[in-house]
PDB file of N, CA and C in Angstrom:
ATOM      1  N   MET A   1       0.834  -1.171   0.035  1.00  0.00           N
ATOM      2  CA  MET A   1      -0.011   0.014  -0.022  1.00  0.00           C
ATOM      3  C   MET A   1       0.879   1.238   0.011  1.00  0.00           C
ATOM      4  N   ASN A   2       0.495   2.282  -0.734  1.00  0.00           N
ATOM      5  CA  ASN A   2       1.238   3.527  -0.739  1.00  0.00           C
ATOM      6  C   ASN A   2       0.765   4.427   0.316  1.00  0.00           C
ATOM      7  N   VAL A   3       1.722   4.995   1.118  1.00  0.00           N
ATOM      8  CA  VAL A   3       1.476   5.888   2.243  1.00  0.00           C
ATOM      9  C   VAL A   3       2.249   7.175   1.989  1.00  0.00           C
ATOM     10  N   THR A   4       1.580   8.297   2.094  1.00  0.00           N
ATOM     11  CA  THR A   4       2.199   9.569   2.066  1.00  0.00           C
ATOM     12  C   THR A   4       2.243  10.135   3.462  1.00  0.00           C
ATOM     13  N   VAL A   5       3.444  10.530   3.918  1.00  0.00           N
ATOM     14  CA  VAL A   5       3.647  10.999   5.277  1.00  0.00           C
ATOM     15  C   VAL A   5       4.070  12.479   5.295  1.00  0.00           C
ATOM     16  N   VAL A   6       3.461  13.249   6.158  1.00  0.00           N
ATOM     17  CA  VAL A   6       3.888  14.630   6.376  1.00  0.00           C
ATOM     18  C   VAL A   6       4.151  14.785   7.854  1.00  0.00           C
ATOM     19  N   GLY A   7       5.352  15.291   8.139  1.00  0.00           N
ATOM     20  CA  GLY A   7       5.738  15.563   9.523  1.00  0.00           C
ATOM     21  C   GLY A   7       6.962  14.770   9.910  1.00  0.00           C
ATOM     22  N   PRO A   8       7.471  15.075  11.073  1.00  0.00           N
ATOM     23  CA  PRO A   8       8.711  14.324  11.535  1.00  0.00           C
ATOM     24  C   PRO A   8       8.413  12.895  11.847  1.00  0.00           C
ATOM     25  N   ASP A   9       9.471  12.087  11.805  1.00  0.00           N
ATOM     26  CA  ASP A   9       9.294  10.639  12.095  1.00  0.00           C
ATOM     27  C   ASP A   9       9.952  10.379  13.471  1.00  0.00           C
ATOM     28  N   ALA A  10       9.583  11.174  14.463  1.00  0.00           N
ATOM     29  CA  ALA A  10      10.172  11.072  15.751  1.00  0.00           C
ATOM     30  C   ALA A  10       9.878   9.718  16.483  1.00  0.00           C
ATOM     31  N   ASN A  11       8.771   9.061  16.092  1.00  0.00           N
ATOM     32  CA  ASN A  11       8.356   7.856  16.789  1.00  0.00           C
ATOM     33  C   ASN A  11       8.720   6.610  15.982  1.00  0.00           C
ATOM     34  N   GLY A  12       9.320   6.674  14.815  1.00  0.00           N
ATOM     35  CA  GLY A  12       9.709   5.530  14.006  1.00  0.00           C
ATOM     36  C   GLY A  12       8.594   4.932  13.224  1.00  0.00           C
ATOM     37  N   ILE A  13       7.576   5.721  12.913  1.00  0.00           N
ATOM     38  CA  ILE A  13       6.442   5.168  12.153  1.00  0.00           C
ATOM     39  C   ILE A  13       6.832   4.813  10.733  1.00  0.00           C
ATOM     40  N   VAL A  14       7.719   5.558  10.129  1.00  0.00           N
ATOM     41  CA  VAL A  14       8.108   5.272   8.740  1.00  0.00           C
ATOM     42  C   VAL A  14       8.783   3.875   8.623  1.00  0.00           C
ATOM     43  N   GLY A  15       9.691   3.605   9.535  1.00  0.00           N
ATOM     44  CA  GLY A  15      10.337   2.268   9.511  1.00  0.00           C
ATOM     45  C   GLY A  15       9.351   1.144   9.794  1.00  0.00           C
ATOM     46  N   ALA A  16       8.403   1.383  10.684  1.00  0.00           N
ATOM     47  CA  ALA A  16       7.396   0.395  10.998  1.00  0.00           C
ATOM     48  C   ALA A  16       6.520   0.138   9.788  1.00  0.00           C
ATOM     49  N   LEU A  17       6.135   1.172   9.065  1.00  0.00           N
ATOM     50  CA  LEU A  17       5.328   1.011   7.831  1.00  0.00           C
ATOM     51  C   LEU A  17       6.073   0.268   6.780  1.00  0.00           C
ATOM     52  N   GLU A  18       7.335   0.595   6.589  1.00  0.00           N
ATOM     53  CA  GLU A  18       8.172  -0.106   5.570  1.00  0.00           C
ATOM     54  C   GLU A  18       8.379  -1.590   5.982  1.00  0.00           C
ATOM     55  N   GLY A  19       8.470  -1.789   7.293  1.00  0.00           N
ATOM     56  CA  GLY A  19       8.627  -3.147   7.800  1.00  0.00           C
ATOM     57  C   GLY A  19       7.402  -4.040   7.479  1.00  0.00           C
ATOM     58  N   GLU A  20       6.248  -3.388   7.360  1.00  0.00           N
ATOM     59  CA  GLU A  20       5.013  -4.101   7.014  1.00  0.00           C
ATOM     60  C   GLU A  20       4.796  -4.227   5.518  1.00  0.00           C
ATOM     61  N   GLY A  21       5.761  -3.710   4.737  1.00  0.00           N
ATOM     62  CA  GLY A  21       5.717  -3.786   3.306  1.00  0.00           C
ATOM     63  C   GLY A  21       5.074  -2.629   2.606  1.00  0.00           C
ATOM     64  N   HIS A  22       4.763  -1.535   3.310  1.00  0.00           N
ATOM     65  CA  HIS A  22       4.168  -0.399   2.723  1.00  0.00           C
ATOM     66  C   HIS A  22       5.194   0.413   1.963  1.00  0.00           C
ATOM     67  N   GLN A  23       4.799   1.073   0.886  1.00  0.00           N
ATOM     68  CA  GLN A  23       5.643   2.032   0.160  1.00  0.00           C
ATOM     69  C   GLN A  23       5.388   3.401   0.751  1.00  0.00           C
ATOM     70  N   VAL A  24       6.422   3.967   1.326  1.00  0.00           N
ATOM     71  CA  VAL A  24       6.241   5.264   2.043  1.00  0.00           C
ATOM     72  C   VAL A  24       6.949   6.367   1.273  1.00  0.00           C
ATOM     73  N   ALA A  25       6.243   7.508   1.072  1.00  0.00           N
ATOM     74  CA  ALA A  25       6.831   8.710   0.503  1.00  0.00           C
ATOM     75  C   ALA A  25       6.621   9.858   1.489  1.00  0.00           C
ATOM     76  N   ALA A  26       7.622  10.631   1.792  1.00  0.00           N
ATOM     77  CA  ALA A  26       7.495  11.753   2.687  1.00  0.00           C
ATOM     78  C   ALA A  26       7.431  13.054   1.980  1.00  0.00           C
ATOM     79  N   ALA A  27       6.563  13.893   2.406  1.00  0.00           N
ATOM     80  CA  ALA A  27       6.472  15.260   1.905  1.00  0.00           C
ATOM     81  C   ALA A  27       6.983  16.164   3.042  1.00  0.00           C
ATOM     82  N   PRO A  28       7.949  17.047   2.731  1.00  0.00           N
ATOM     83  CA  PRO A  28       8.464  17.893   3.794  1.00  0.00           C
ATOM     84  C   PRO A  28       7.451  18.900   4.350  1.00  0.00           C
ATOM     85  N   VAL A  29       6.517  19.274   3.482  1.00  0.00           N
ATOM     86  CA  VAL A  29       5.499  20.239   3.872  1.00  0.00           C
ATOM     87  C   VAL A  29       4.194  19.764   3.283  1.00  0.00           C
ATOM     88  N   GLY A  30       3.076  19.860   3.975  1.00  0.00           N
ATOM     89  CA  GLY A  30       1.833  19.401   3.483  1.00  0.00           C
ATOM     90  C   GLY A  30       1.036  20.358   2.618  1.00  0.00           C
ATOM     91  N   ASN A  31       1.762  21.047   1.695  1.00  0.00           N
ATOM     92  CA  ASN A  31       1.045  21.860   0.761  1.00  0.00           C
ATOM     93  C   ASN A  31       0.815  21.119  -0.506  1.00  0.00           C
ATOM     94  N   ARG A  32       0.110  21.662  -1.452  1.00  0.00           N
ATOM     95  CA  ARG A  32      -0.318  20.987  -2.663  1.00  0.00           C
ATOM     96  C   ARG A  32       0.949  20.440  -3.450  1.00  0.00           C
ATOM     97  N   PRO A  33       1.966  21.297  -3.691  1.00  0.00           N
ATOM     98  CA  PRO A  33       3.139  20.796  -4.441  1.00  0.00           C
ATOM     99  C   PRO A  33       3.851  19.678  -3.738  1.00  0.00           C
ATOM    100  N   GLY A  34       4.001  19.862  -2.394  1.00  0.00           N
ATOM    101  CA  GLY A  34       4.688  18.777  -1.610  1.00  0.00           C
ATOM    102  C   GLY A  34       3.947  17.509  -1.642  1.00  0.00           C
ATOM    103  N   LEU A  35       2.657  17.516  -1.450  1.00  0.00           N
ATOM    104  CA  LEU A  35       1.841  16.289  -1.472  1.00  0.00           C
ATOM    105  C   LEU A  35       1.838  15.624  -2.855  1.00  0.00           C
ATOM    106  N   GLU A  36       1.711  16.462  -3.892  1.00  0.00           N
ATOM    107  CA  GLU A  36       1.728  15.887  -5.199  1.00  0.00           C
ATOM    108  C   GLU A  36       3.096  15.213  -5.510  1.00  0.00           C
ATOM    109  N   GLU A  37       4.192  15.899  -5.140  1.00  0.00           N
ATOM    110  CA  GLU A  37       5.512  15.292  -5.347  1.00  0.00           C
ATOM    111  C   GLU A  37       5.660  13.985  -4.561  1.00  0.00           C
ATOM    112  N   ALA A  38       5.068  13.885  -3.428  1.00  0.00           N
ATOM    113  CA  ALA A  38       5.157  12.694  -2.598  1.00  0.00           C
ATOM    114  C   ALA A  38       4.176  11.590  -3.069  1.00  0.00           C
ATOM    115  N   GLY A  39       3.387  11.853  -4.063  1.00  0.00           N
ATOM    116  CA  GLY A  39       2.511  10.848  -4.649  1.00  0.00           C
ATOM    117  C   GLY A  39       1.168  10.680  -3.986  1.00  0.00           C
ATOM    118  N   ILE A  40       0.613  11.736  -3.478  1.00  0.00           N
ATOM    119  CA  ILE A  40      -0.719  11.662  -2.781  1.00  0.00           C
ATOM    120  C   ILE A  40      -1.787  11.125  -3.696  1.00  0.00           C
ATOM    121  N   HIS A  41      -1.674  11.363  -4.998  1.00  0.00           N
ATOM    122  CA  HIS A  41      -2.687  10.889  -5.946  1.00  0.00           C
ATOM    123  C   HIS A  41      -2.847   9.359  -5.933  1.00  0.00           C
ATOM    124  N   ASP A  42      -1.768   8.659  -5.650  1.00  0.00           N
ATOM    125  CA  ASP A  42      -1.755   7.220  -5.645  1.00  0.00           C
ATOM    126  C   ASP A  42      -1.803   6.621  -4.248  1.00  0.00           C
ATOM    127  N   ALA A  43      -1.804   7.423  -3.200  1.00  0.00           N
ATOM    128  CA  ALA A  43      -1.697   6.974  -1.864  1.00  0.00           C
ATOM    129  C   ALA A  43      -3.003   6.406  -1.330  1.00  0.00           C
ATOM    130  N   ALA A  44      -2.943   5.330  -0.622  1.00  0.00           N
ATOM    131  CA  ALA A  44      -4.134   4.740   0.089  1.00  0.00           C
ATOM    132  C   ALA A  44      -4.301   5.400   1.466  1.00  0.00           C
ATOM    133  N   VAL A  45      -3.162   5.823   2.009  1.00  0.00           N
ATOM    134  CA  VAL A  45      -3.176   6.454   3.356  1.00  0.00           C
ATOM    135  C   VAL A  45      -2.334   7.747   3.338  1.00  0.00           C
ATOM    136  N   TYR A  46      -2.954   8.749   3.980  1.00  0.00           N
ATOM    137  CA  TYR A  46      -2.201   9.996   4.269  1.00  0.00           C
ATOM    138  C   TYR A  46      -1.988   9.998   5.740  1.00  0.00           C
ATOM    139  N   LEU A  47      -0.693   9.991   6.166  1.00  0.00           N
ATOM    140  CA  LEU A  47      -0.317   9.892   7.571  1.00  0.00           C
ATOM    141  C   LEU A  47       0.304  11.260   7.978  1.00  0.00           C
ATOM    142  N   LEU A  48      -0.334  11.873   8.911  1.00  0.00           N
ATOM    143  CA  LEU A  48       0.114  13.167   9.439  1.00  0.00           C
ATOM    144  C   LEU A  48       0.736  12.978  10.823  1.00  0.00           C
ATOM    145  N   THR A  49       1.948  13.411  11.014  1.00  0.00           N
ATOM    146  CA  THR A  49       2.581  13.280  12.320  1.00  0.00           C
ATOM    147  C   THR A  49       2.864  14.638  12.988  1.00  0.00           C
ATOM    148  N   ASP A  50       2.239  15.686  12.440  1.00  0.00           N
ATOM    149  CA  ASP A  50       2.496  17.026  12.960  1.00  0.00           C
ATOM    150  C   ASP A  50       1.143  17.777  12.899  1.00  0.00           C
ATOM    151  N   VAL A  51       0.496  17.941  14.049  1.00  0.00           N
ATOM    152  CA  VAL A  51      -0.822  18.594  14.097  1.00  0.00           C
ATOM    153  C   VAL A  51      -0.740  20.051  13.673  1.00  0.00           C
ATOM    154  N   GLU A  52       0.458  20.645  13.662  1.00  0.00           N
ATOM    155  CA  GLU A  52       0.639  22.019  13.186  1.00  0.00           C
ATOM    156  C   GLU A  52       0.322  22.150  11.679  1.00  0.00           C
ATOM    157  N   GLN A  53       0.351  21.022  11.002  1.00  0.00           N
ATOM    158  CA  GLN A  53       0.018  20.997   9.566  1.00  0.00           C
ATOM    159  C   GLN A  53      -1.333  20.393   9.253  1.00  0.00           C
ATOM    160  N   ALA A  54      -2.283  20.607  10.155  1.00  0.00           N
ATOM    161  CA  ALA A  54      -3.627  20.074  10.052  1.00  0.00           C
ATOM    162  C   ALA A  54      -4.348  20.486   8.807  1.00  0.00           C
ATOM    163  N   THR A  55      -4.044  21.681   8.299  1.00  0.00           N
ATOM    164  CA  THR A  55      -4.730  22.114   7.061  1.00  0.00           C
ATOM    165  C   THR A  55      -4.321  21.255   5.888  1.00  0.00           C
ATOM    166  N   SER A  56      -3.282  20.525   6.011  1.00  0.00           N
ATOM    167  CA  SER A  56      -2.846  19.668   4.833  1.00  0.00           C
ATOM    168  C   SER A  56      -3.817  18.560   4.698  1.00  0.00           C
ATOM    169  N   ILE A  57      -4.614  18.183   5.664  1.00  0.00           N
ATOM    170  CA  ILE A  57      -5.636  17.123   5.539  1.00  0.00           C
ATOM    171  C   ILE A  57      -6.623  17.474   4.428  1.00  0.00           C
ATOM    172  N   ALA A  58      -7.102  18.716   4.469  1.00  0.00           N
ATOM    173  CA  ALA A  58      -8.059  19.160   3.469  1.00  0.00           C
ATOM    174  C   ALA A  58      -7.379  19.155   2.054  1.00  0.00           C
ATOM    175  N   VAL A  59      -6.132  19.524   1.991  1.00  0.00           N
ATOM    176  CA  VAL A  59      -5.446  19.472   0.690  1.00  0.00           C
ATOM    177  C   VAL A  59      -5.337  18.045   0.169  1.00  0.00           C
ATOM    178  N   ALA A  60      -4.913  17.125   1.073  1.00  0.00           N
ATOM    179  CA  ALA A  60      -4.813  15.753   0.716  1.00  0.00           C
ATOM    180  C   ALA A  60      -6.094  15.149   0.254  1.00  0.00           C
ATOM    181  N   LYS A  61      -7.183  15.463   0.897  1.00  0.00           N
ATOM    182  CA  LYS A  61      -8.539  14.970   0.529  1.00  0.00           C
ATOM    183  C   LYS A  61      -8.995  15.584  -0.804  1.00  0.00           C
ATOM    184  N   ASP A  62      -8.570  16.813  -1.071  1.00  0.00           N
ATOM    185  CA  ASP A  62      -8.942  17.465  -2.330  1.00  0.00           C
ATOM    186  C   ASP A  62      -8.210  16.811  -3.462  1.00  0.00           C
ATOM    187  N   LEU A  63      -7.009  16.400  -3.233  1.00  0.00           N
ATOM    188  CA  LEU A  63      -6.182  15.760  -4.296  1.00  0.00           C
ATOM    189  C   LEU A  63      -6.500  14.260  -4.490  1.00  0.00           C
ATOM    190  N   ASN A  64      -7.029  13.648  -3.395  1.00  0.00           N
ATOM    191  CA  ASN A  64      -7.329  12.196  -3.465  1.00  0.00           C
ATOM    192  C   ASN A  64      -8.454  11.940  -2.551  1.00  0.00           C
ATOM    193  N   GLU A  65      -9.704  11.994  -3.101  1.00  0.00           N
ATOM    194  CA  GLU A  65     -10.881  11.849  -2.266  1.00  0.00           C
ATOM    195  C   GLU A  65     -10.973  10.545  -1.470  1.00  0.00           C
ATOM    196  N   GLY A  66     -10.379   9.481  -1.966  1.00  0.00           N
ATOM    197  CA  GLY A  66     -10.437   8.180  -1.344  1.00  0.00           C
ATOM    198  C   GLY A  66      -9.337   7.910  -0.320  1.00  0.00           C
ATOM    199  N   VAL A  67      -8.406   8.855  -0.113  1.00  0.00           N
ATOM    200  CA  VAL A  67      -7.317   8.586   0.794  1.00  0.00           C
ATOM    201  C   VAL A  67      -7.824   8.491   2.201  1.00  0.00           C
ATOM    202  N   ARG A  68      -7.277   7.547   2.924  1.00  0.00           N
ATOM    203  CA  ARG A  68      -7.586   7.341   4.359  1.00  0.00           C
ATOM    204  C   ARG A  68      -6.624   8.209   5.134  1.00  0.00           C
ATOM    205  N   VAL A  69      -7.159   9.079   6.019  1.00  0.00           N
ATOM    206  CA  VAL A  69      -6.330  10.021   6.774  1.00  0.00           C
ATOM    207  C   VAL A  69      -6.112   9.459   8.182  1.00  0.00           C
ATOM    208  N   VAL A  70      -4.839   9.298   8.538  1.00  0.00           N
ATOM    209  CA  VAL A  70      -4.457   8.822   9.850  1.00  0.00           C
ATOM    210  C   VAL A  70      -3.529   9.916  10.462  1.00  0.00           C
ATOM    211  N   VAL A  71      -3.891  10.318  11.637  1.00  0.00           N
ATOM    212  CA  VAL A  71      -3.070  11.289  12.402  1.00  0.00           C
ATOM    213  C   VAL A  71      -2.392  10.534  13.499  1.00  0.00           C
ATOM    214  N   TYR A  72      -1.069  10.491  13.476  1.00  0.00           N
ATOM    215  CA  TYR A  72      -0.261   9.818  14.486  1.00  0.00           C
ATOM    216  C   TYR A  72       0.626  10.857  15.147  1.00  0.00           C
ATOM    217  N   ALA A  73       0.052  11.583  16.105  1.00  0.00           N
ATOM    218  CA  ALA A  73       0.742  12.709  16.722  1.00  0.00           C
ATOM    219  C   ALA A  73       0.115  13.015  18.110  1.00  0.00           C
ATOM    220  N   GLU A  74       0.969  13.678  18.890  1.00  0.00           N
ATOM    221  CA  GLU A  74       0.490  14.247  20.151  1.00  0.00           C
ATOM    222  C   GLU A  74      -0.242  15.545  19.834  1.00  0.00           C
ATOM    223  N   GLY A  75      -1.088  15.942  20.719  1.00  0.00           N
ATOM    224  CA  GLY A  75      -1.818  17.204  20.561  1.00  0.00           C
ATOM    225  C   GLY A  75      -3.167  16.968  19.976  1.00  0.00           C
ATOM    226  N   SER A  76      -3.875  18.078  19.825  1.00  0.00           N
ATOM    227  CA  SER A  76      -5.235  17.984  19.287  1.00  0.00           C
ATOM    228  C   SER A  76      -5.354  18.712  17.959  1.00  0.00           C
ATOM    229  N   LEU A  77      -6.282  18.248  17.177  1.00  0.00           N
ATOM    230  CA  LEU A  77      -6.504  18.800  15.830  1.00  0.00           C
ATOM    231  C   LEU A  77      -7.696  19.808  15.961  1.00  0.00           C
ATOM    232  N   PRO A  78      -7.719  20.845  15.095  1.00  0.00           N
ATOM    233  CA  PRO A  78      -8.855  21.671  15.040  1.00  0.00           C
ATOM    234  C   PRO A  78     -10.069  20.913  14.571  1.00  0.00           C
ATOM    235  N   ASP A  79     -11.234  21.325  14.878  1.00  0.00           N
ATOM    236  CA  ASP A  79     -12.445  20.620  14.573  1.00  0.00           C
ATOM    237  C   ASP A  79     -12.556  20.289  13.069  1.00  0.00           C
ATOM    238  N   PHE A  80     -12.256  21.243  12.237  1.00  0.00           N
ATOM    239  CA  PHE A  80     -12.395  21.014  10.773  1.00  0.00           C
ATOM    240  C   PHE A  80     -11.543  19.808  10.337  1.00  0.00           C
ATOM    241  N   ALA A  81     -10.371  19.747  10.898  1.00  0.00           N
ATOM    242  CA  ALA A  81      -9.460  18.633  10.507  1.00  0.00           C
ATOM    243  C   ALA A  81      -9.846  17.308  11.134  1.00  0.00           C
ATOM    244  N   ARG A  82     -10.323  17.372  12.363  1.00  0.00           N
ATOM    245  CA  ARG A  82     -10.772  16.140  13.076  1.00  0.00           C
ATOM    246  C   ARG A  82     -11.885  15.469  12.332  1.00  0.00           C
ATOM    247  N   ARG A  83     -12.808  16.201  11.730  1.00  0.00           N
ATOM    248  CA  ARG A  83     -13.923  15.669  10.984  1.00  0.00           C
ATOM    249  C   ARG A  83     -13.427  14.957   9.711  1.00  0.00           C
ATOM    250  N   GLN A  84     -12.311  15.362   9.172  1.00  0.00           N
ATOM    251  CA  GLN A  84     -11.830  14.769   7.927  1.00  0.00           C
ATOM    252  C   GLN A  84     -10.874  13.586   8.196  1.00  0.00           C
ATOM    253  N   ALA A  85     -10.440  13.378   9.415  1.00  0.00           N
ATOM    254  CA  ALA A  85      -9.548  12.301   9.739  1.00  0.00           C
ATOM    255  C   ALA A  85     -10.277  11.017   9.967  1.00  0.00           C
ATOM    256  N   ASP A  86      -9.735   9.911   9.534  1.00  0.00           N
ATOM    257  CA  ASP A  86     -10.344   8.638   9.749  1.00  0.00           C
ATOM    258  C   ASP A  86      -9.885   7.973  11.011  1.00  0.00           C
ATOM    259  N   LEU A  87      -8.686   8.271  11.445  1.00  0.00           N
ATOM    260  CA  LEU A  87      -8.115   7.639  12.607  1.00  0.00           C
ATOM    261  C   LEU A  87      -7.140   8.605  13.314  1.00  0.00           C
ATOM    262  N   LEU A  88      -7.358   8.820  14.615  1.00  0.00           N
ATOM    263  CA  LEU A  88      -6.458   9.642  15.425  1.00  0.00           C
ATOM    264  C   LEU A  88      -5.780   8.777  16.453  1.00  0.00           C
ATOM    265  N   VAL A  89      -4.446   8.778  16.447  1.00  0.00           N
ATOM    266  CA  VAL A  89      -3.705   7.908  17.385  1.00  0.00           C
ATOM    267  C   VAL A  89      -2.661   8.759  18.066  1.00  0.00           C
ATOM    268  N   ASP A  90      -2.581   8.610  19.374  1.00  0.00           N
ATOM    269  CA  ASP A  90      -1.577   9.269  20.226  1.00  0.00           C
ATOM    270  C   ASP A  90      -0.396   8.295  20.298  1.00  0.00           C
ATOM    271  N   PRO A  91       0.818   8.678  19.913  1.00  0.00           N
ATOM    272  CA  PRO A  91       1.984   7.828  19.915  1.00  0.00           C
ATOM    273  C   PRO A  91       2.291   7.302  21.325  1.00  0.00           C
ATOM    274  N   ASP A  92       1.854   8.016  22.389  1.00  0.00           N
ATOM    275  CA  ASP A  92       2.096   7.570  23.752  1.00  0.00           C
ATOM    276  C   ASP A  92       1.169   6.381  24.088  1.00  0.00           C
ATOM    277  N   LEU A  93       0.124   6.167  23.367  1.00  0.00           N
ATOM    278  CA  LEU A  93      -0.860   5.123  23.660  1.00  0.00           C
ATOM    279  C   LEU A  93      -0.699   3.882  22.809  1.00  0.00           C
ATOM    280  N   LEU A  94      -0.192   4.092  21.582  1.00  0.00           N
ATOM    281  CA  LEU A  94      -0.038   2.966  20.647  1.00  0.00           C
ATOM    282  C   LEU A  94       1.249   3.136  19.858  1.00  0.00           C
ATOM    283  N   GLY A  95       2.100   2.096  19.900  1.00  0.00           N
ATOM    284  CA  GLY A  95       3.378   2.194  19.186  1.00  0.00           C
ATOM    285  C   GLY A  95       3.303   2.113  17.706  1.00  0.00           C
ATOM    286  N   PRO A  96       4.357   2.491  16.999  1.00  0.00           N
ATOM    287  CA  PRO A  96       4.328   2.523  15.578  1.00  0.00           C
ATOM    288  C   PRO A  96       4.131   1.176  14.903  1.00  0.00           C
ATOM    289  N   GLU A  97       4.650   0.102  15.495  1.00  0.00           N
ATOM    290  CA  GLU A  97       4.458  -1.214  14.908  1.00  0.00           C
ATOM    291  C   GLU A  97       2.994  -1.593  14.897  1.00  0.00           C
ATOM    292  N   ALA A  98       2.282  -1.305  15.962  1.00  0.00           N
ATOM    293  CA  ALA A  98       0.853  -1.626  16.006  1.00  0.00           C
ATOM    294  C   ALA A  98       0.038  -0.795  15.022  1.00  0.00           C
ATOM    295  N   VAL A  99       0.375   0.428  14.787  1.00  0.00           N
ATOM    296  CA  VAL A  99      -0.311   1.279  13.850  1.00  0.00           C
ATOM    297  C   VAL A  99      -0.039   0.744  12.460  1.00  0.00           C
ATOM    298  N   ALA A 100       1.221   0.395  12.143  1.00  0.00           N
ATOM    299  CA  ALA A 100       1.597  -0.101  10.820  1.00  0.00           C
ATOM    300  C   ALA A 100       0.871  -1.403  10.527  1.00  0.00           C
ATOM    301  N   GLU A 101       0.786  -2.240  11.521  1.00  0.00           N
ATOM    302  CA  GLU A 101       0.061  -3.496  11.385  1.00  0.00           C
ATOM    303  C   GLU A 101      -1.403  -3.307  11.121  1.00  0.00           C
ATOM    304  N   GLU A 102      -2.036  -2.360  11.780  1.00  0.00           N
ATOM    305  CA  GLU A 102      -3.450  -2.076  11.593  1.00  0.00           C
ATOM    306  C   GLU A 102      -3.727  -1.550  10.210  1.00  0.00           C
ATOM    307  N   LEU A 103      -2.781  -0.836   9.624  1.00  0.00           N
ATOM    308  CA  LEU A 103      -2.970  -0.270   8.334  1.00  0.00           C
ATOM    309  C   LEU A 103      -2.832  -1.302   7.221  1.00  0.00           C
ATOM    310  N   SER A 104      -2.302  -2.480   7.582  1.00  0.00           N
ATOM    311  CA  SER A 104      -2.083  -3.539   6.562  1.00  0.00           C
ATOM    312  C   SER A 104      -3.371  -4.174   6.152  1.00  0.00           C
TER     313      SER A 104
END
């Protein structure tokens, strides 16, 4: 499965996803050009690890209506972004391996 990631990999989620066989592409910034360059059009999952970039969820959904949005980060999302996310996970509660396995 193709996964587009935006945000830092402080918790090792990228390695866990790759360990499960997922193809991971990282976008340095969650804007339209960054997401397109990272392959959001072909992604099955958009993984956000930085709630500061919550507006990128709307951009990702605009570029790929069927993308599943997973937020793997501490902190809270604004209401508009929370409504568009499919899964919200706090890294302190669930490790990266468990999240990667659930996405398989």
